[in-house]
Protein backbone atom coordinates (compact mmCIF):
# COMPACT_ATOMS: atom_id res chain seq x y z
CA MET A 1 30.49 79.20 -92.03
CA SER A 2 27.07 80.59 -91.21
CA THR A 3 27.38 84.38 -91.44
CA VAL A 4 24.79 87.01 -90.13
CA VAL A 5 25.26 90.58 -91.14
CA VAL A 6 23.43 93.50 -89.03
CA PHE A 7 23.01 97.08 -89.73
CA PRO A 8 22.49 99.89 -87.19
CA GLY A 9 19.60 102.52 -87.72
CA GLN A 10 19.20 106.16 -87.30
CA GLY A 11 21.44 107.67 -84.68
CA SER A 12 24.56 106.12 -86.09
CA GLN A 13 25.04 108.84 -88.83
CA LYS A 14 28.01 110.88 -88.81
CA THR A 15 29.78 113.36 -91.36
CA GLY A 16 32.15 111.39 -93.71
CA MET A 17 30.50 108.03 -93.45
CA ALA A 18 31.54 105.68 -95.94
CA ARG A 19 33.72 108.19 -97.61
CA ASP A 20 36.84 105.96 -97.41
CA PHE A 21 34.74 103.20 -99.05
CA HIS A 22 33.54 105.72 -101.90
CA GLU A 23 37.16 106.79 -102.43
CA ALA A 24 38.62 103.13 -102.68
CA TYR A 25 35.81 101.12 -104.35
CA PRO A 26 33.80 101.48 -107.57
CA GLU A 27 31.03 99.42 -106.13
CA SER A 28 30.63 101.97 -103.42
CA ARG A 29 30.50 104.84 -105.87
CA ASP A 30 27.99 103.13 -107.86
CA VAL A 31 25.81 102.81 -104.86
CA PHE A 32 26.01 106.48 -104.08
CA ALA A 33 25.47 107.48 -107.82
CA GLU A 34 22.19 105.14 -107.97
CA ALA A 35 20.74 106.49 -104.72
CA SER A 36 21.64 110.17 -105.61
CA GLN A 37 19.92 109.65 -108.97
CA ALA A 38 16.81 107.94 -107.53
CA LEU A 39 16.40 110.91 -105.06
CA ASP A 40 17.54 113.76 -107.21
CA LEU A 41 19.93 114.59 -104.22
CA ASP A 42 23.66 114.63 -103.94
CA LEU A 43 24.23 112.12 -101.36
CA CYS A 44 27.99 112.39 -101.54
CA GLN A 45 27.66 115.91 -100.46
CA LEU A 46 24.94 114.99 -97.65
CA CYS A 47 27.16 112.08 -96.18
CA PHE A 48 30.70 113.47 -96.67
CA GLU A 49 30.59 117.23 -96.11
CA ASP A 50 29.32 119.31 -93.21
CA ASP A 51 25.64 119.24 -94.16
CA GLU A 52 23.04 120.22 -91.34
CA ARG A 53 20.38 118.11 -93.30
CA LEU A 54 22.16 114.83 -92.19
CA ASN A 55 20.58 114.99 -88.95
CA LEU A 56 16.96 115.79 -90.36
CA THR A 57 15.07 112.61 -90.33
CA GLU A 58 13.79 112.74 -94.08
CA PHE A 59 17.62 112.89 -95.09
CA THR A 60 19.21 110.87 -92.38
CA GLN A 61 17.26 107.72 -93.20
CA PRO A 62 18.26 107.57 -96.98
CA ALA A 63 21.85 108.65 -96.09
CA ILE A 64 22.38 105.95 -93.61
CA LEU A 65 20.93 103.12 -95.84
CA THR A 66 23.16 104.35 -98.93
CA ALA A 67 26.35 104.37 -96.87
CA GLU A 68 25.52 100.90 -95.42
CA ILE A 69 24.83 99.38 -98.79
CA ALA A 70 27.85 101.02 -100.17
CA MET A 71 30.04 99.38 -97.55
CA LEU A 72 28.44 96.00 -97.95
CA ARG A 73 28.79 95.81 -101.66
CA ALA A 74 32.36 96.66 -101.41
CA LEU A 75 32.95 94.03 -98.76
CA LYS A 76 31.19 91.53 -100.89
CA ALA A 77 33.10 92.21 -104.00
CA HIS A 78 36.65 92.66 -102.49
CA HIS A 79 36.50 90.70 -99.16
CA GLY A 80 34.18 87.84 -100.23
CA LEU A 81 31.42 88.64 -97.60
CA GLU A 82 28.51 86.49 -98.09
CA ALA A 83 25.60 86.17 -95.58
CA ASP A 84 22.95 83.57 -94.71
CA ARG A 85 20.74 86.08 -92.77
CA PHE A 86 20.47 89.77 -92.14
CA GLY A 87 19.04 91.98 -89.44
CA GLY A 88 18.75 95.73 -89.02
CA HIS A 89 17.88 97.82 -86.14
CA SER A 90 14.64 99.98 -86.91
CA LEU A 91 15.63 101.88 -90.01
CA GLY A 92 18.41 99.19 -90.56
CA GLU A 93 15.83 96.64 -91.46
CA TYR A 94 15.25 98.32 -94.64
CA THR A 95 19.14 98.03 -95.46
CA ALA A 96 18.86 94.46 -94.44
CA LEU A 97 15.81 94.10 -96.98
CA VAL A 98 18.10 95.55 -99.69
CA ALA A 99 21.02 93.26 -98.80
CA ALA A 100 18.74 90.16 -99.01
CA GLY A 101 17.29 91.24 -102.30
CA ALA A 102 13.83 92.01 -101.09
CA ILE A 103 13.69 95.53 -102.56
CA GLY A 104 16.02 97.45 -104.78
CA LEU A 105 18.36 100.21 -103.61
CA SER A 106 16.45 102.78 -105.68
CA GLU A 107 13.21 101.94 -104.39
CA ALA A 108 14.45 101.57 -100.87
CA VAL A 109 15.94 105.19 -100.59
CA ARG A 110 12.64 106.70 -101.93
CA ILE A 111 10.73 104.61 -99.27
CA VAL A 112 12.67 105.59 -96.33
CA ARG A 113 13.00 109.22 -97.47
CA GLU A 114 9.26 109.38 -97.40
CA ARG A 115 9.30 107.24 -94.08
CA GLY A 116 11.59 109.96 -92.62
CA ARG A 117 9.35 112.99 -93.94
CA GLN A 118 6.16 111.63 -92.53
CA MET A 119 7.60 110.55 -89.15
CA GLN A 120 9.06 113.93 -88.81
CA LEU A 121 5.46 115.56 -89.53
CA ALA A 122 3.61 113.29 -87.53
CA VAL A 123 4.29 115.12 -84.19
CA ALA A 124 5.10 118.90 -83.66
CA SER A 125 8.57 119.75 -82.34
CA GLY A 126 8.90 119.39 -78.82
CA LYS A 127 5.67 117.42 -78.18
CA GLY A 128 7.37 114.14 -77.97
CA ALA A 129 10.48 112.74 -76.23
CA MET A 130 12.38 109.41 -75.73
CA ALA A 131 14.40 108.24 -72.93
CA ALA A 132 16.85 105.22 -72.46
CA ILE A 133 16.91 103.23 -69.43
CA ILE A 134 19.97 101.27 -68.60
CA GLN A 135 20.19 98.92 -65.76
CA ARG A 136 22.23 95.72 -64.90
CA ASP A 137 19.13 93.83 -63.60
CA LEU A 138 16.53 95.33 -65.84
CA ASP A 139 13.06 93.97 -65.55
CA ILE A 140 11.09 95.09 -68.32
CA ALA A 141 7.77 94.20 -66.81
CA VAL A 142 8.37 96.74 -64.07
CA VAL A 143 9.11 99.47 -66.75
CA GLU A 144 5.83 98.55 -68.51
CA SER A 145 3.88 99.02 -65.29
CA THR A 146 5.24 102.52 -64.69
CA LEU A 147 3.82 103.35 -68.15
CA GLU A 148 0.33 102.48 -67.30
CA GLY A 149 -2.03 105.47 -67.95
CA LEU A 150 0.68 107.57 -69.61
CA GLN A 151 0.95 108.35 -73.37
CA VAL A 152 4.28 106.42 -73.43
CA ASP A 153 5.25 103.09 -74.97
CA ILE A 154 8.32 100.83 -75.10
CA ALA A 155 9.82 101.90 -78.20
CA ASN A 156 13.06 99.65 -78.30
CA HIS A 157 13.90 96.71 -76.17
CA ASN A 158 17.68 97.14 -77.29
CA ALA A 159 19.48 94.80 -74.92
CA VAL A 160 19.15 92.72 -71.83
CA ASN A 161 19.92 95.90 -69.88
CA GLN A 162 18.36 98.50 -72.05
CA VAL A 163 14.90 99.77 -73.10
CA VAL A 164 13.91 103.00 -74.62
CA ILE A 165 10.65 104.60 -73.87
CA SER A 166 8.79 107.04 -76.19
CA GLY A 167 5.82 109.29 -76.13
CA GLU A 168 4.41 112.55 -75.11
CA THR A 169 7.11 114.65 -73.46
CA GLN A 170 5.82 115.47 -69.90
CA ALA A 171 4.51 111.75 -69.80
CA VAL A 172 7.98 110.31 -70.56
CA GLU A 173 9.30 112.55 -67.94
CA GLN A 174 6.56 111.43 -65.46
CA ALA A 175 7.41 107.62 -66.45
CA VAL A 176 10.91 108.18 -65.55
CA GLU A 177 10.24 109.63 -62.25
CA ARG A 178 7.75 106.70 -61.57
CA TYR A 179 10.54 104.11 -62.52
CA ARG A 180 13.32 105.88 -60.27
CA ALA A 181 10.85 105.65 -57.39
CA GLU A 182 10.33 101.96 -57.78
CA PRO A 183 12.73 99.78 -55.57
CA ALA A 184 13.68 97.98 -58.78
CA GLY A 185 14.55 101.22 -60.42
CA ALA A 186 16.64 102.84 -57.80
CA SER A 187 19.87 101.61 -59.77
CA ALA A 188 18.83 102.62 -63.22
CA LYS A 189 20.64 105.04 -65.31
CA VAL A 190 18.29 107.28 -67.50
CA ARG A 191 19.39 109.20 -70.58
CA MET A 192 16.96 111.54 -72.32
CA LEU A 193 17.65 111.19 -76.00
CA THR A 194 18.19 113.85 -78.56
CA VAL A 195 15.26 113.03 -81.20
CA SER A 196 13.03 115.05 -83.42
CA ALA A 197 10.04 112.96 -82.62
CA PRO A 198 8.80 110.13 -80.46
CA PHE A 199 9.65 107.35 -82.80
CA HIS A 200 8.03 103.94 -82.17
CA SER A 201 5.20 105.11 -80.10
CA ARG A 202 1.38 105.41 -80.35
CA MET A 203 1.98 109.03 -81.42
CA MET A 204 3.38 107.73 -84.88
CA ALA A 205 0.28 105.70 -85.53
CA PRO A 206 -1.77 108.22 -87.46
CA ILE A 207 0.83 107.98 -90.37
CA GLU A 208 0.69 104.27 -90.68
CA PRO A 209 -2.09 104.07 -93.29
CA GLY A 210 -0.46 106.56 -95.68
CA PHE A 211 3.00 104.94 -95.23
CA ARG A 212 1.28 101.59 -96.01
CA ASP A 213 0.09 103.01 -99.28
CA VAL A 214 3.71 103.94 -99.99
CA LEU A 215 5.01 100.55 -99.47
CA LEU A 216 2.23 99.05 -101.64
CA GLN A 217 3.57 101.20 -104.51
CA HIS A 218 6.85 99.58 -104.81
CA PRO A 219 7.86 95.98 -106.13
CA TRP A 220 8.90 93.43 -103.42
CA ASN A 221 10.33 90.11 -103.48
CA ALA A 222 8.84 88.96 -100.27
CA GLU A 223 10.48 85.57 -100.62
CA ALA A 224 13.87 86.99 -100.26
CA ALA A 225 12.80 88.68 -97.17
CA THR A 226 12.67 85.35 -95.37
CA LYS A 227 16.57 85.96 -94.90
CA VAL A 228 15.76 89.11 -92.75
CA VAL A 229 14.70 89.29 -89.09
CA CYS A 230 11.39 91.25 -88.57
CA ASN A 231 11.85 93.96 -85.90
CA VAL A 232 8.35 93.81 -84.42
CA THR A 233 8.10 90.02 -84.20
CA GLY A 234 11.75 89.09 -83.47
CA ARG A 235 11.44 86.24 -86.05
CA MET A 236 12.36 85.95 -89.66
CA HIS A 237 9.93 87.42 -92.21
CA GLN A 238 7.28 84.87 -93.44
CA GLY A 239 7.78 85.25 -97.25
CA SER A 240 4.43 86.76 -98.20
CA LYS A 241 4.12 90.41 -99.35
CA GLU A 242 1.20 91.20 -97.34
CA ALA A 243 2.78 89.98 -94.21
CA LEU A 244 6.01 92.00 -94.94
CA ILE A 245 4.02 95.21 -95.57
CA ASP A 246 2.08 94.66 -92.48
CA ALA A 247 5.28 94.30 -90.38
CA LEU A 248 6.99 97.34 -91.89
CA THR A 249 3.88 99.33 -91.34
CA ALA A 250 3.41 98.27 -87.60
CA GLN A 251 7.16 99.06 -87.23
CA ILE A 252 6.20 102.82 -87.32
CA SER A 253 4.60 102.78 -84.01
CA GLY A 254 5.41 99.38 -82.61
CA THR A 255 8.19 98.19 -80.37
CA VAL A 256 11.71 97.21 -81.92
CA ASP A 257 12.15 93.88 -79.99
CA TRP A 258 15.86 93.88 -80.80
CA VAL A 259 16.47 91.41 -78.01
CA ALA A 260 14.21 88.93 -79.70
CA CYS A 261 15.78 89.79 -82.96
CA MET A 262 19.41 88.99 -81.62
CA GLY A 263 18.09 85.65 -80.20
CA THR A 264 16.90 84.67 -83.66
CA LEU A 265 19.94 85.74 -85.41
CA ILE A 266 22.49 84.22 -82.99
CA ASP A 267 20.74 80.74 -83.18
CA GLY A 268 23.13 78.73 -85.43
CA ALA A 269 25.36 81.64 -86.28
CA GLN A 270 29.07 81.24 -86.53
CA ARG A 271 29.93 84.77 -86.95
CA ILE A 272 27.94 88.16 -86.70
CA ILE A 273 29.35 91.05 -88.66
CA GLU A 274 27.88 94.72 -87.99
CA VAL A 275 28.08 96.96 -91.15
CA GLY A 276 27.60 100.57 -90.73
CA PRO A 277 28.83 104.15 -90.03
CA GLY A 278 28.73 103.35 -86.08
CA ARG A 279 28.89 100.15 -83.99
CA PRO A 280 25.93 100.51 -81.63
CA LEU A 281 24.71 96.91 -82.16
CA ARG A 282 28.04 95.43 -81.07
CA GLY A 283 27.38 96.13 -77.39
CA PHE A 284 23.66 94.86 -77.45
CA PHE A 285 25.03 91.43 -78.78
CA ARG A 286 27.92 91.45 -76.36
CA GLY A 287 25.31 91.44 -73.58
CA MET A 288 23.46 88.28 -74.88
CA ASP A 289 24.31 85.35 -72.72
CA ALA A 290 23.33 83.21 -75.70
CA LEU A 291 26.03 84.68 -77.83
CA GLY A 292 28.49 82.13 -76.47
CA GLU A 293 31.57 81.76 -78.56
CA THR A 294 30.01 83.41 -81.72
CA PRO A 295 32.48 85.94 -82.76
CA LEU A 296 31.29 89.68 -83.54
CA HIS A 297 33.22 91.91 -85.84
CA SER A 298 32.25 95.54 -86.17
CA ILE A 299 33.23 96.89 -89.64
CA THR A 300 33.30 100.75 -89.68
CA ASN A 301 36.30 101.68 -92.05
CA LEU A 302 38.60 99.93 -94.47
CA THR A 303 41.18 99.21 -91.89
CA SER A 304 38.83 97.22 -89.71
CA ALA A 305 37.33 95.65 -92.73
CA GLY A 306 40.73 94.29 -93.77
CA HIS A 307 41.27 92.95 -90.37
CA ALA A 308 37.92 91.52 -89.85
CA PHE A 309 38.30 89.45 -93.10
CA SER A 310 41.98 88.26 -92.60
CA ASP A 311 40.98 85.45 -90.23
């Protein structure tokens, strides 16, 4: 059976995430211990207790990655979960790379903590914004046309009916007004997102050279990355270290083309399993006509894990 495992990214965090796995499985406890030691940070406190740092990007990113790998390793050890390919949305791409063996857990949590720190510092608070546009008959070309001349970019093409735009605050608001004024945009639902920075926009580009240096400091098994779909191309990673680092660097300011990623992952898959503290990717996959009869299980706790692997 061809299995794909996917991981959600930032925004899926919640207090108590993976606590049930930590309590039940030694493999999960080992993950938290390793990540905590690598960062000199108590990730159990961060993830399990009411800790305001959980929503600060520098801490959110390693916390989510740790929780997802803790879940995955328990599922592998006790439920026999094996995957042929992996995917992750934005930050989730790093979890996917750890799962595939392209980077070690300790290295990965250090990388994403620095990624989060640099992303947070890239733009002053209040200077950037993001908005989700949701519409049944969404035409991304029309959305792109409303961004012309504005400091706004397509941050995420999340689903056939959803895009997220990102950029300078007033420009994002202007882009929303333009789109709603278009005949094609009259039926759209628009939701301003609660974010600390305009992620995946040109406003993030200044940190890319420094972040690339961070990536170069760590050992990569680029061949293993061929099992992971690339956010910015929508295709599987090529297998060279240079191309992998180029892609991860470009992801900072580039569009997450999750629709293309889903198309690649669905091809030949017999089941798709979402592993993470939330289930945002489930709906995105459900909206893909190409999904056909491929079952999608979402695993968020011990009960659903046992159910998903009982068939």
